[in-house]
Amino acid sequence: MVTAELALAVPALLLVLSICVGVVLVVAARVRCIDAAAVAARLAARGEASETVLAQARAVVPHAMVTIRHAPSGFIDLTVRERLQLPIVGALLPGVTVAEHIAVPDEAMQPAAEGRAQ
């Protein structure tokens, strides 16, 4: 009797453990995406070259998909995406995409805009 209960409990425990590990991995990926987006947005707002911005974002998240868009309203929209494959249950489920979006004012455009306002 104990053997049958143990045979059911161990796989259930492993499934719960793998789900918990997956959640921790997703949260860690989200923090990495937030950090990469913040660094890249700061550099893009200062007017750094796109290659520099992408290199710094990929230094934080190596396989990131980084999108930089200069909006006509004077903002820079930056998105960092990372695709994860969860351990153990990842073979049964599709991958998870973690993304962070930041919009910052374009500091390189502000002096020109202030000069025209005077």
C-alpha atoms as a PDB file:
ATOM      1  CA  MET A   1       0.000   0.000   0.000  1.00  0.00           C
ATOM      2  CA  VAL A   2       2.742   2.432   0.845  1.00  0.00           C
ATOM      3  CA  THR A   3       4.559   1.570  -2.368  1.00  0.00           C
ATOM      4  CA  ALA A   4       1.558   2.469  -4.526  1.00  0.00           C
ATOM      5  CA  GLU A   5       1.101   5.808  -2.758  1.00  0.00           C
ATOM      6  CA  LEU A   6       4.788   6.555  -3.106  1.00  0.00           C
ATOM      7  CA  ALA A   7       4.683   5.626  -6.801  1.00  0.00           C
ATOM      8  CA  LEU A   8       2.002   8.285  -7.320  1.00  0.00           C
ATOM      9  CA  ALA A   9       3.509  10.907  -5.024  1.00  0.00           C
ATOM     10  CA  VAL A  10       7.028  10.997  -6.475  1.00  0.00           C
ATOM     11  CA  PRO A  11       6.033  11.912 -10.074  1.00  0.00           C
ATOM     12  CA  ALA A  12       3.580  14.508  -8.767  1.00  0.00           C
ATOM     13  CA  LEU A  13       6.303  15.998  -6.576  1.00  0.00           C
ATOM     14  CA  LEU A  14       8.722  16.105  -9.517  1.00  0.00           C
ATOM     15  CA  LEU A  15       6.120  17.823 -11.686  1.00  0.00           C
ATOM     16  CA  VAL A  16       5.471  20.486  -9.030  1.00  0.00           C
ATOM     17  CA  LEU A  17       9.212  20.955  -8.550  1.00  0.00           C
ATOM     18  CA  SER A  18       9.802  21.393 -12.289  1.00  0.00           C
ATOM     19  CA  ILE A  19       6.993  23.942 -12.497  1.00  0.00           C
ATOM     20  CA  CYS A  20       8.538  25.883  -9.592  1.00  0.00           C
ATOM     21  CA  VAL A  21      11.939  25.833 -11.303  1.00  0.00           C
ATOM     22  CA  GLY A  22      10.277  27.079 -14.495  1.00  0.00           C
ATOM     23  CA  VAL A  23       8.649  29.974 -12.646  1.00  0.00           C
ATOM     24  CA  VAL A  24      12.002  30.952 -11.123  1.00  0.00           C
ATOM     25  CA  LEU A  25      13.613  30.864 -14.594  1.00  0.00           C
ATOM     26  CA  VAL A  26      10.860  33.066 -16.060  1.00  0.00           C
ATOM     27  CA  VAL A  27      11.205  35.609 -13.241  1.00  0.00           C
ATOM     28  CA  ALA A  28      15.000  35.673 -13.676  1.00  0.00           C
ATOM     29  CA  ALA A  29      14.570  36.183 -17.438  1.00  0.00           C
ATOM     30  CA  ARG A  30      12.146  39.029 -16.775  1.00  0.00           C
ATOM     31  CA  VAL A  31      14.666  40.746 -14.502  1.00  0.00           C
ATOM     32  CA  ARG A  32      17.372  40.336 -17.159  1.00  0.00           C
ATOM     33  CA  CYS A  33      15.056  41.836 -19.795  1.00  0.00           C
ATOM     34  CA  ILE A  34      14.255  44.791 -17.520  1.00  0.00           C
ATOM     35  CA  ASP A  35      17.967  45.406 -16.916  1.00  0.00           C
ATOM     36  CA  ALA A  36      18.834  45.105 -20.610  1.00  0.00           C
ATOM     37  CA  ALA A  37      15.993  47.436 -21.616  1.00  0.00           C
ATOM     38  CA  ALA A  38      17.009  50.031 -19.025  1.00  0.00           C
ATOM     39  CA  VAL A  39      20.661  50.013 -20.130  1.00  0.00           C
ATOM     40  CA  ALA A  40      19.780  50.114 -23.815  1.00  0.00           C
ATOM     41  CA  ALA A  41      17.167  52.849 -23.360  1.00  0.00           C
ATOM     42  CA  ARG A  42      19.615  55.004 -21.444  1.00  0.00           C
ATOM     43  CA  LEU A  43      22.211  54.647 -24.206  1.00  0.00           C
ATOM     44  CA  ALA A  44      19.694  55.232 -26.998  1.00  0.00           C
ATOM     45  CA  ALA A  45      18.347  58.335 -25.278  1.00  0.00           C
ATOM     46  CA  ARG A  46      21.860  59.774 -25.100  1.00  0.00           C
ATOM     47  CA  GLY A  47      22.201  59.328 -28.850  1.00  0.00           C
ATOM     48  CA  GLU A  48      24.583  56.356 -28.963  1.00  0.00           C
ATOM     49  CA  ALA A  49      24.831  54.333 -32.165  1.00  0.00           C
ATOM     50  CA  SER A  50      22.332  51.503 -32.632  1.00  0.00           C
ATOM     51  CA  GLU A  51      25.149  48.931 -32.765  1.00  0.00           C
ATOM     52  CA  THR A  52      26.382  50.056 -29.336  1.00  0.00           C
ATOM     53  CA  VAL A  53      22.873  49.913 -27.903  1.00  0.00           C
ATOM     54  CA  LEU A  54      22.289  46.413 -29.277  1.00  0.00           C
ATOM     55  CA  ALA A  55      25.680  45.192 -28.058  1.00  0.00           C
ATOM     56  CA  GLN A  56      25.028  46.429 -24.526  1.00  0.00           C
ATOM     57  CA  ALA A  57      21.542  44.893 -24.441  1.00  0.00           C
ATOM     58  CA  ARG A  58      22.896  41.570 -25.699  1.00  0.00           C
ATOM     59  CA  ALA A  59      25.661  41.697 -23.089  1.00  0.00           C
ATOM     60  CA  VAL A  60      22.918  41.419 -20.458  1.00  0.00           C
ATOM     61  CA  VAL A  61      20.624  39.029 -22.403  1.00  0.00           C
ATOM     62  CA  PRO A  62      22.761  37.127 -24.949  1.00  0.00           C
ATOM     63  CA  HIS A  63      19.982  35.775 -27.215  1.00  0.00           C
ATOM     64  CA  ALA A  64      17.689  38.779 -26.942  1.00  0.00           C
ATOM     65  CA  MET A  65      15.628  40.242 -29.741  1.00  0.00           C
ATOM     66  CA  VAL A  66      15.998  44.005 -29.356  1.00  0.00           C
ATOM     67  CA  THR A  67      13.757  46.473 -31.185  1.00  0.00           C
ATOM     68  CA  ILE A  68      14.527  50.206 -31.206  1.00  0.00           C
ATOM     69  CA  ARG A  69      12.102  52.673 -32.731  1.00  0.00           C
ATOM     70  CA  HIS A  70      12.468  56.454 -32.775  1.00  0.00           C
ATOM     71  CA  ALA A  71       8.953  57.865 -32.554  1.00  0.00           C
ATOM     72  CA  PRO A  72       8.215  61.222 -34.206  1.00  0.00           C
ATOM     73  CA  SER A  73       6.909  62.458 -30.853  1.00  0.00           C
ATOM     74  CA  GLY A  74      10.476  62.585 -29.511  1.00  0.00           C
ATOM     75  CA  PHE A  75      10.432  59.276 -27.665  1.00  0.00           C
ATOM     76  CA  ILE A  76      12.481  56.137 -28.149  1.00  0.00           C
ATOM     77  CA  ASP A  77      10.508  52.897 -27.887  1.00  0.00           C
ATOM     78  CA  LEU A  78      12.700  49.966 -26.948  1.00  0.00           C
ATOM     79  CA  THR A  79      11.611  46.341 -26.565  1.00  0.00           C
ATOM     80  CA  VAL A  80      13.740  43.427 -25.350  1.00  0.00           C
ATOM     81  CA  ARG A  81      12.436  39.875 -25.851  1.00  0.00           C
ATOM     82  CA  GLU A  82      13.883  36.572 -24.704  1.00  0.00           C
ATOM     83  CA  ARG A  83      12.548  33.136 -25.619  1.00  0.00           C
ATOM     84  CA  LEU A  84      12.794  30.405 -22.965  1.00  0.00           C
ATOM     85  CA  GLN A  85      12.332  26.674 -23.086  1.00  0.00           C
ATOM     86  CA  LEU A  86      11.266  25.418 -19.667  1.00  0.00           C
ATOM     87  CA  PRO A  87      13.091  22.433 -18.169  1.00  0.00           C
ATOM     88  CA  ILE A  88      11.462  18.976 -18.081  1.00  0.00           C
ATOM     89  CA  VAL A  89       7.921  20.110 -18.956  1.00  0.00           C
ATOM     90  CA  GLY A  90       9.307  22.356 -21.705  1.00  0.00           C
ATOM     91  CA  ALA A  91       9.327  19.437 -24.098  1.00  0.00           C
ATOM     92  CA  LEU A  92       5.565  19.135 -23.618  1.00  0.00           C
ATOM     93  CA  LEU A  93       4.783  22.871 -23.704  1.00  0.00           C
ATOM     94  CA  PRO A  94       5.626  25.632 -26.144  1.00  0.00           C
ATOM     95  CA  GLY A  95       8.391  28.038 -25.177  1.00  0.00           C
ATOM     96  CA  VAL A  96       7.781  31.131 -23.101  1.00  0.00           C
ATOM     97  CA  THR A  97       8.561  34.613 -24.414  1.00  0.00           C
ATOM     98  CA  VAL A  98       9.521  37.201 -21.820  1.00  0.00           C
ATOM     99  CA  ALA A  99       9.487  40.836 -22.946  1.00  0.00           C
ATOM    100  CA  GLU A 100      10.031  44.315 -21.548  1.00  0.00           C
ATOM    101  CA  HIS A 101       9.087  47.594 -23.231  1.00  0.00           C
ATOM    102  CA  ILE A 102      10.434  51.021 -22.271  1.00  0.00           C
ATOM    103  CA  ALA A 103       9.709  54.424 -23.790  1.00  0.00           C
ATOM    104  CA  VAL A 104      12.143  57.222 -22.916  1.00  0.00           C
ATOM    105  CA  PRO A 105      12.472  60.803 -24.157  1.00  0.00           C
ATOM    106  CA  ASP A 106      15.111  61.246 -26.849  1.00  0.00           C
ATOM    107  CA  GLU A 107      17.661  63.486 -25.146  1.00  0.00           C
ATOM    108  CA  ALA A 108      19.578  63.966 -28.387  1.00  0.00           C
ATOM    109  CA  MET A 109      16.532  65.716 -29.915  1.00  0.00           C
ATOM    110  CA  GLN A 110      15.716  67.955 -26.914  1.00  0.00           C
ATOM    111  CA  PRO A 111      18.429  70.629 -27.386  1.00  0.00           C
ATOM    112  CA  ALA A 112      17.296  71.176 -30.982  1.00  0.00           C
ATOM    113  CA  ALA A 113      13.672  71.423 -29.880  1.00  0.00           C
ATOM    114  CA  GLU A 114      14.564  73.869 -27.068  1.00  0.00           C
ATOM    115  CA  GLY A 115      16.588  76.009 -29.483  1.00  0.00           C
ATOM    116  CA  ARG A 116      13.610  76.342 -31.838  1.00  0.00           C
ATOM    117  CA  ALA A 117      11.231  77.290 -29.012  1.00  0.00           C
ATOM    118  CA  GLN A 118      13.206  80.432 -28.129  1.00  0.00           C
END
